[in-house]
Amino acid sequence: MTPLLREVGAPGPRDYEIKARSRLTELTSLQEIEYIDFLPILNDAENSESLYRDRIRLSPAGNQMVSQTICYAIRRFG
């Protein structure tokens, strides 16, 4: 799941977004579904704002980062 730009950095996601993310993580774990939460990845990015086109949509650089992360996960988990 890719977060909205306002979720990245401070002050972070809103309470209902934290709850939804937690529920999704729990569900995917119970169902043994590989899940990538991009919030921590984007929080670690040097200039995360450049990875967004606007408040919602990723920029070409953001899409490239997501694609590379998914490719890495596919190779790692098969």
N, C-alpha and C. Protein backbone atom coordinates (compact mmCIF):
# COMPACT_ATOMS: atom_id res chain seq x y z
N MET A 1 0.85 -1.16 0.00
CA MET A 1 0.00 0.00 0.00
C MET A 1 0.90 1.23 0.00
N THR A 2 0.63 2.16 -0.90
CA THR A 2 1.38 3.41 -0.89
C THR A 2 0.58 4.46 -0.14
N PRO A 3 1.20 5.15 0.79
CA PRO A 3 0.49 6.14 1.59
C PRO A 3 0.29 7.45 0.83
N LEU A 4 -0.61 8.26 1.33
CA LEU A 4 -0.75 9.62 0.84
C LEU A 4 0.48 10.41 1.26
N LEU A 5 0.80 11.45 0.54
CA LEU A 5 1.98 12.25 0.86
C LEU A 5 1.91 12.79 2.28
N ARG A 6 0.73 13.19 2.74
CA ARG A 6 0.62 13.76 4.09
C ARG A 6 0.90 12.74 5.20
N GLU A 7 0.86 11.44 4.87
CA GLU A 7 1.17 10.41 5.86
C GLU A 7 2.67 10.25 6.07
N VAL A 8 3.45 10.67 5.08
CA VAL A 8 4.90 10.49 5.12
C VAL A 8 5.51 11.59 5.98
N GLY A 9 6.38 11.21 6.90
CA GLY A 9 7.00 12.19 7.79
C GLY A 9 6.05 12.60 8.90
N ALA A 10 6.36 13.72 9.53
CA ALA A 10 5.54 14.22 10.64
C ALA A 10 4.37 15.02 10.10
N PRO A 11 3.21 14.95 10.67
CA PRO A 11 2.85 14.23 11.88
C PRO A 11 2.52 12.75 11.64
N GLY A 12 2.54 12.30 10.40
CA GLY A 12 2.29 10.88 10.11
C GLY A 12 0.83 10.61 9.83
N PRO A 13 0.49 9.33 9.71
CA PRO A 13 -0.89 8.95 9.39
C PRO A 13 -1.86 9.32 10.51
N ARG A 14 -3.11 9.47 10.11
CA ARG A 14 -4.17 9.71 11.09
C ARG A 14 -4.53 8.40 11.78
N ASP A 15 -5.23 8.50 12.89
CA ASP A 15 -5.56 7.30 13.68
C ASP A 15 -6.27 6.24 12.86
N TYR A 16 -7.26 6.65 12.05
CA TYR A 16 -8.01 5.66 11.27
C TYR A 16 -7.14 5.01 10.21
N GLU A 17 -6.13 5.73 9.71
CA GLU A 17 -5.21 5.14 8.73
C GLU A 17 -4.28 4.14 9.39
N ILE A 18 -3.85 4.46 10.60
CA ILE A 18 -3.01 3.53 11.36
C ILE A 18 -3.80 2.25 11.64
N LYS A 19 -5.06 2.40 12.03
CA LYS A 19 -5.90 1.24 12.33
C LYS A 19 -6.12 0.40 11.07
N ALA A 20 -6.41 1.04 9.95
CA ALA A 20 -6.63 0.32 8.69
C ALA A 20 -5.37 -0.42 8.26
N ARG A 21 -4.22 0.24 8.37
CA ARG A 21 -2.95 -0.39 8.00
C ARG A 21 -2.67 -1.59 8.90
N SER A 22 -2.95 -1.46 10.18
CA SER A 22 -2.75 -2.55 11.13
C SER A 22 -3.66 -3.73 10.81
N ARG A 23 -4.90 -3.46 10.50
CA ARG A 23 -5.85 -4.52 10.17
C ARG A 23 -5.44 -5.23 8.88
N LEU A 24 -4.98 -4.48 7.89
CA LEU A 24 -4.53 -5.08 6.64
C LEU A 24 -3.30 -5.95 6.87
N THR A 25 -2.37 -5.46 7.68
CA THR A 25 -1.16 -6.23 8.00
C THR A 25 -1.54 -7.54 8.70
N GLU A 26 -2.48 -7.46 9.63
CA GLU A 26 -2.93 -8.66 10.35
C GLU A 26 -3.60 -9.65 9.40
N LEU A 27 -4.47 -9.16 8.53
CA LEU A 27 -5.17 -10.02 7.58
C LEU A 27 -4.20 -10.72 6.64
N THR A 28 -3.28 -9.96 6.07
CA THR A 28 -2.34 -10.56 5.12
C THR A 28 -1.43 -11.57 5.82
N SER A 29 -1.10 -11.31 7.05
CA SER A 29 -0.28 -12.26 7.82
C SER A 29 -1.05 -13.55 8.08
N LEU A 30 -2.30 -13.43 8.50
CA LEU A 30 -3.12 -14.61 8.77
C LEU A 30 -3.35 -15.44 7.52
N GLN A 31 -3.49 -14.78 6.39
CA GLN A 31 -3.74 -15.46 5.12
C GLN A 31 -2.45 -15.84 4.39
N GLU A 32 -1.32 -15.54 5.01
CA GLU A 32 0.00 -15.81 4.43
C GLU A 32 0.15 -15.18 3.05
N ILE A 33 -0.27 -13.92 2.97
CA ILE A 33 -0.15 -13.12 1.75
C ILE A 33 1.00 -12.15 1.96
N GLU A 34 1.92 -12.13 1.01
CA GLU A 34 3.04 -11.20 1.11
C GLU A 34 2.51 -9.78 0.91
N TYR A 35 2.87 -8.89 1.79
CA TYR A 35 2.35 -7.52 1.78
C TYR A 35 3.51 -6.55 1.97
N ILE A 36 3.53 -5.52 1.16
CA ILE A 36 4.57 -4.49 1.28
C ILE A 36 3.89 -3.20 1.71
N ASP A 37 4.24 -2.71 2.87
CA ASP A 37 3.76 -1.41 3.35
C ASP A 37 4.83 -0.39 2.97
N PHE A 38 4.50 0.53 2.10
CA PHE A 38 5.48 1.49 1.61
C PHE A 38 5.67 2.69 2.54
N LEU A 39 4.87 2.81 3.59
CA LEU A 39 5.04 3.95 4.49
C LEU A 39 6.44 3.99 5.11
N PRO A 40 6.93 2.90 5.70
CA PRO A 40 8.28 2.96 6.27
C PRO A 40 9.36 3.20 5.21
N ILE A 41 9.14 2.66 4.02
CA ILE A 41 10.10 2.84 2.93
C ILE A 41 10.15 4.31 2.52
N LEU A 42 8.98 4.92 2.37
CA LEU A 42 8.93 6.34 1.99
C LEU A 42 9.41 7.24 3.12
N ASN A 43 9.18 6.84 4.35
CA ASN A 43 9.70 7.62 5.48
C ASN A 43 11.22 7.62 5.49
N ASP A 44 11.83 6.54 5.01
CA ASP A 44 13.29 6.45 4.97
C ASP A 44 13.90 7.11 3.73
N ALA A 45 13.08 7.42 2.74
CA ALA A 45 13.59 8.03 1.50
C ALA A 45 14.10 9.44 1.80
N GLU A 46 15.18 9.81 1.13
CA GLU A 46 15.78 11.13 1.38
C GLU A 46 14.85 12.28 1.03
N ASN A 47 14.29 12.26 -0.15
CA ASN A 47 13.40 13.34 -0.58
C ASN A 47 12.08 12.73 -1.03
N SER A 48 11.29 12.27 -0.07
CA SER A 48 10.07 11.54 -0.40
C SER A 48 9.08 12.40 -1.18
N GLU A 49 9.13 13.71 -1.02
CA GLU A 49 8.20 14.58 -1.75
C GLU A 49 8.42 14.47 -3.26
N SER A 50 9.65 14.20 -3.69
CA SER A 50 9.93 14.07 -5.12
C SER A 50 9.34 12.78 -5.69
N LEU A 51 8.91 11.87 -4.83
CA LEU A 51 8.33 10.62 -5.29
C LEU A 51 6.82 10.73 -5.53
N TYR A 52 6.28 11.92 -5.31
CA TYR A 52 4.85 12.17 -5.51
C TYR A 52 4.64 13.23 -6.58
N ARG A 53 3.62 13.02 -7.40
CA ARG A 53 3.21 14.00 -8.41
C ARG A 53 2.34 15.07 -7.75
N ASP A 54 1.50 14.61 -6.83
CA ASP A 54 0.63 15.49 -6.05
C ASP A 54 0.41 14.84 -4.68
N ARG A 55 -0.64 15.18 -3.99
CA ARG A 55 -0.87 14.63 -2.64
C ARG A 55 -1.15 13.14 -2.64
N ILE A 56 -1.59 12.61 -3.79
CA ILE A 56 -2.06 11.23 -3.86
C ILE A 56 -1.21 10.37 -4.80
N ARG A 57 -0.97 10.88 -5.99
CA ARG A 57 -0.34 10.09 -7.04
C ARG A 57 1.18 10.15 -6.99
N LEU A 58 1.78 8.98 -7.23
CA LEU A 58 3.24 8.91 -7.29
C LEU A 58 3.75 9.53 -8.58
N SER A 59 4.93 10.07 -8.53
CA SER A 59 5.62 10.59 -9.71
C SER A 59 6.25 9.42 -10.45
N PRO A 60 6.80 9.65 -11.65
CA PRO A 60 7.54 8.57 -12.31
C PRO A 60 8.63 7.98 -11.42
N ALA A 61 9.33 8.81 -10.68
CA ALA A 61 10.38 8.31 -9.77
C ALA A 61 9.76 7.46 -8.65
N GLY A 62 8.60 7.86 -8.16
CA GLY A 62 7.91 7.09 -7.13
C GLY A 62 7.44 5.75 -7.66
N ASN A 63 6.90 5.75 -8.87
CA ASN A 63 6.48 4.50 -9.49
C ASN A 63 7.67 3.58 -9.73
N GLN A 64 8.80 4.15 -10.12
CA GLN A 64 10.01 3.35 -10.32
C GLN A 64 10.46 2.71 -9.01
N MET A 65 10.42 3.46 -7.93
CA MET A 65 10.81 2.94 -6.62
C MET A 65 9.88 1.80 -6.20
N VAL A 66 8.58 1.98 -6.40
CA VAL A 66 7.61 0.93 -6.06
C VAL A 66 7.87 -0.31 -6.91
N SER A 67 8.09 -0.13 -8.21
CA SER A 67 8.36 -1.25 -9.11
C SER A 67 9.60 -2.02 -8.70
N GLN A 68 10.65 -1.30 -8.36
CA GLN A 68 11.90 -1.95 -7.94
C GLN A 68 11.70 -2.72 -6.64
N THR A 69 10.94 -2.16 -5.73
CA THR A 69 10.68 -2.83 -4.45
C THR A 69 9.87 -4.11 -4.66
N ILE A 70 8.87 -4.05 -5.52
CA ILE A 70 8.06 -5.24 -5.81
C ILE A 70 8.90 -6.30 -6.50
N CYS A 71 9.73 -5.90 -7.47
CA CYS A 71 10.62 -6.85 -8.15
C CYS A 71 11.56 -7.53 -7.16
N TYR A 72 12.11 -6.76 -6.25
CA TYR A 72 12.99 -7.32 -5.23
C TYR A 72 12.24 -8.33 -4.37
N ALA A 73 11.01 -8.00 -3.99
CA ALA A 73 10.22 -8.90 -3.15
C ALA A 73 9.88 -10.19 -3.91
N ILE A 74 9.57 -10.09 -5.19
CA ILE A 74 9.27 -11.28 -5.99
C ILE A 74 10.49 -12.19 -6.04
N ARG A 75 11.65 -11.61 -6.28
CA ARG A 75 12.88 -12.42 -6.33
C ARG A 75 13.18 -13.05 -4.97
N ARG A 76 12.95 -12.31 -3.93
CA ARG A 76 13.27 -12.77 -2.58
C ARG A 76 12.32 -13.87 -2.10
N PHE A 77 11.04 -13.70 -2.37
CA PHE A 77 10.04 -14.63 -1.85
C PHE A 77 9.58 -15.66 -2.87
N GLY A 78 9.96 -15.44 -4.13
CA GLY A 78 9.60 -16.41 -5.17
C GLY A 78 8.20 -16.29 -5.51
